[in-house]
Structure formats: structure tokens, C-alpha cells
Amino acid sequence: MKVQFDQESDALYFRLDDSKFIESEEVKSGIVLDFNDKDQVVGIEILGVGKRVPASNLKQMQFEVA
């Protein structure tokens, strides 16, 4: 999985695998899912992150694996 934060566009993108995405769907205002040809979610984009998450949380990322 790859995570990218674009500060200029205020967008956070989670790339779940490397397969080509062929369709995108905005499931809620500012939340976009990318799908591959098998209808699997391969990417998640969150727009307007600064309005959704406290700025201090964007400075560091923590991952937990269960």
C-alpha cells in the first residue's frame, strides 16, 4: 500500500495495489474510490483533508497492523 499526501491540493490518496484503475466513484462528498476491472477498490482519495482532520495529525502518520 502507498500513501500520498499532496499539501498543495489538500488531498490524501491511499493506493491499495498496483492494478490499473478503470473507474472512479465519489461515494460521499470529497471521498473518491478507484476501481479496477474486477470491481475491486484499488485506491481511495480524500479531498479537503485539512477540513476533515486536525492539522497536527497530518504531520505524522502511524500504522497499526493487527
Protein backbone atom coordinates (compact mmCIF):
# COMPACT_ATOMS: atom_id res chain seq x y z
CA MET A 1 0.00 0.00 0.00
CA LYS A 2 1.19 3.51 -0.80
CA VAL A 3 0.02 6.69 0.89
CA GLN A 4 0.49 10.12 -0.62
CA PHE A 5 -0.47 13.50 0.83
CA ASP A 6 -0.48 16.43 -1.56
CA GLN A 7 -0.38 19.53 0.61
CA GLU A 8 -0.95 21.89 -2.31
CA SER A 9 -4.21 20.22 -3.40
CA ASP A 10 -5.10 19.21 0.18
CA ALA A 11 -5.70 15.60 -0.85
CA LEU A 12 -4.75 12.26 0.68
CA TYR A 13 -4.52 9.18 -1.53
CA PHE A 14 -4.27 5.54 -0.47
CA ARG A 15 -3.15 3.25 -3.29
CA LEU A 16 -4.07 -0.29 -2.25
CA ASP A 17 -2.43 -2.18 -5.14
CA ASP A 18 -0.75 -1.55 -8.49
CA SER A 19 -3.54 -2.75 -10.76
CA LYS A 20 -4.88 -0.25 -13.29
CA PHE A 21 -7.98 1.60 -12.19
CA ILE A 22 -10.69 1.97 -14.79
CA GLU A 23 -13.48 3.71 -12.92
CA SER A 24 -13.86 6.19 -10.08
CA GLU A 25 -16.89 6.86 -7.93
CA GLU A 26 -17.44 9.68 -5.45
CA VAL A 27 -19.18 7.83 -2.62
CA LYS A 28 -19.54 10.88 -0.40
CA SER A 29 -18.64 14.50 -0.95
CA GLY A 30 -14.84 14.55 -1.28
CA ILE A 31 -14.37 10.77 -0.92
CA VAL A 32 -13.49 9.01 -4.18
CA LEU A 33 -12.97 5.28 -4.70
CA ASP A 34 -10.99 3.94 -7.68
CA PHE A 35 -11.93 0.50 -9.04
CA ASN A 36 -10.06 -1.96 -11.26
CA ASP A 37 -11.59 -4.16 -13.99
CA LYS A 38 -12.60 -6.75 -11.34
CA ASP A 39 -14.64 -4.11 -9.48
CA GLN A 40 -12.15 -4.14 -6.59
CA VAL A 41 -11.20 -0.93 -4.77
CA VAL A 42 -7.59 -0.10 -5.64
CA GLY A 43 -7.46 3.50 -4.43
CA ILE A 44 -9.11 5.87 -2.00
CA GLU A 45 -8.83 9.63 -2.34
CA ILE A 46 -9.88 12.07 0.36
CA LEU A 47 -10.23 15.67 -0.79
CA GLY A 48 -10.20 18.65 1.55
CA VAL A 49 -8.23 16.79 4.19
CA GLY A 50 -7.42 19.99 6.06
CA LYS A 51 -11.11 20.47 6.82
CA ARG A 52 -11.60 16.84 7.89
CA VAL A 53 -8.51 16.18 10.02
CA PRO A 54 -6.71 18.35 12.60
CA ALA A 55 -3.54 19.83 11.05
CA SER A 56 -1.36 18.27 13.75
CA ASN A 57 -2.48 14.80 12.61
CA LEU A 58 -1.23 15.45 9.06
CA LYS A 59 2.35 15.98 10.19
CA GLN A 60 2.89 12.37 11.20
CA MET A 61 1.34 9.07 10.25
CA GLN A 62 1.08 5.95 12.36
CA PHE A 63 0.26 2.47 11.09
CA GLU A 64 -1.02 -0.40 13.11
CA VAL A 65 -1.00 -3.96 11.84
CA ALA A 66 -3.27 -6.37 13.63
